[in-house]
Amino acid sequence: MEKYDYDAIIIGAGIGGLVCGCYLAKAGLKTLIVEKNAQPGGYCTSFTRNGFKFDACVHFIGSMREGGIIKKIIGNLGLQNDISILRNDPSDTVFTKDYKFSFWENIEKTVSELQSCFPSEKKSIKEFFNYILKIEGYDFLGLRCKTLQDVFSSFFVDRRLMALLGFPILGNSGLPPSRVSAIKAMTLYKEFMVDGGYYMPNGVQVLPEALVKKIVGYGGTVLFNSPVKKIIVRNDKAEGVITKQGTQFSSRYVVSNADTRHTFFDLIDPDNAPKLLQKALVDLEPSLSMFALYLGVNGELTNFPPHTNIWYLNGYDLEDYYRYNLKGDIEDIKWLLAYYNPQGKTILCFLNVPYVNKNYWKVNRMRIEELLLKKIEEVVPGTLKHICFKNNATPDTMLRWTSNYQGAAYGWAGTVDQFSVSGLSQITPIKNLFLTGHWTTLVQGVSGVIYLGEVTAKTILRVKEKRQ
């Protein structure tokens, strides 16, 4: 019988890898997670600068209703007492110069606000939100070949209404209604907008740290500051990893929570890489990245709604705004997402942008920071006088932090034709090599990668059981 250092090695301590590791360690597998950074979480991390604590990217989660994905897995892993989660109401406020509505915990209130803005669409608005609430499981298959615009067109006539409803989807997927998969969009509405607004008062870092604690409690190990250099593959079978420090660990199973391109082009020797899958990966489109602005403030911002995502849209042409941002040469801020945390006295501001190249962001990062600051002051007058600390992160920062291809914020672009890619799933063409995380399919956000972490772990446990 072959002897291994570990039963399972997981590359990357992002949320998907940590959840997968928890389930495997809980099932009795000797589990090692190898992480290149000094802390766990990937995009789901917090950092402190000048006394201000910021959530780096993820600051809200959804899917905490009874039966929701995150609530269920927190319960399964016994994390209820380790994480404090509060819900803000409303979770999101969307407005232009003409209209304003919010996503409230009470969905009827959300519908009522929208109906007051668009009385001619009163019936359609009600029907649309009923559709979101009722769609489950196999119902999503009917959306397989549809975009969000296709769904909008079946309900609405007013393009301004469609822009307001499509705006948060653009901000949370990097795609306009004409390009984003209806399945991805409906999942976002259901799991993140309608069932959203949940935040961790001590910062989102408590989630990955609680998962690490559970893994260790189940007998697993998490190794930080240890980037993986190679996945060991012999005779078309994964057998372990080698870190950049030269340490070699053998294992029965290997799970990559890293960018799939990085996995199959960089971590596996060319002679062992599956050529057909590599060819498919080359043709896939990554999502947009993001520019993040982190602001520390003194005093109370009385004009800034606390713990609410503020979405401001200059006009109503999301397709044009998407094309404009896609160019990368940003001279004007067409839309804004900002979030104010009054306890931490911080503001987060995000903008979807392409990677372009490293030098572009080196030259332009401060210019775009100033453009965002001007837009924040325009949207929430009086904010600038309270700002006492500024920092930003560019797509190149995202690339260095996560190794995501082109600093992608959401894995693959969530288009209809990329909904399902042959050979790209939890099970790979290489025996005993598995994938998890948002690079394996079109999931979204923390709830999506948590779900896939559980799915990958259960897949491995079924494989193990069959081979016994």
Foldseek 3Di string as FASTA:
>chain_A
DDDFLWAEEEEAQALLSLLLLLLQLLVPTAYEYEHQAPAHHQQLAWDDDPQFIGNNHDFKFFQCDVVGLVVVSCVVLVVPVQFDKDFDAFAAWEDEPQAIATQGLPNVRRLVRLCVSPVVLSVLSVVVVVCLQPDDDPSLVVQLQPFQVVVCVVRDDDLQSQLRLQQVVCVFQVDGRVFFRPSQSSCCCNTDRNGMRMGTLVGSSSVSVSSQVSSVVSVYYYHYSWHWQAFDADPLATFWTATPVGDTGGHSFYEYQAFPQCHQPGHYDPVNHDVVVNVLVVPFAFHFAKKKKKWAFPDDQPQADASHWYKYAHGRPPVVQSVQQAVVPDDADGMWIKHAHRVSRMMMIMDGHFLPDDVVCVVCVVVVVVRRVVVVCVVRPPGVVGTDDIDMAGLVNLCVSRVHVRSGPQATRNGSVQQADPQQAQDHSRHSYGYAHRNRGRHGDSSRRSVRSVVSSVVVVVVVVVVD
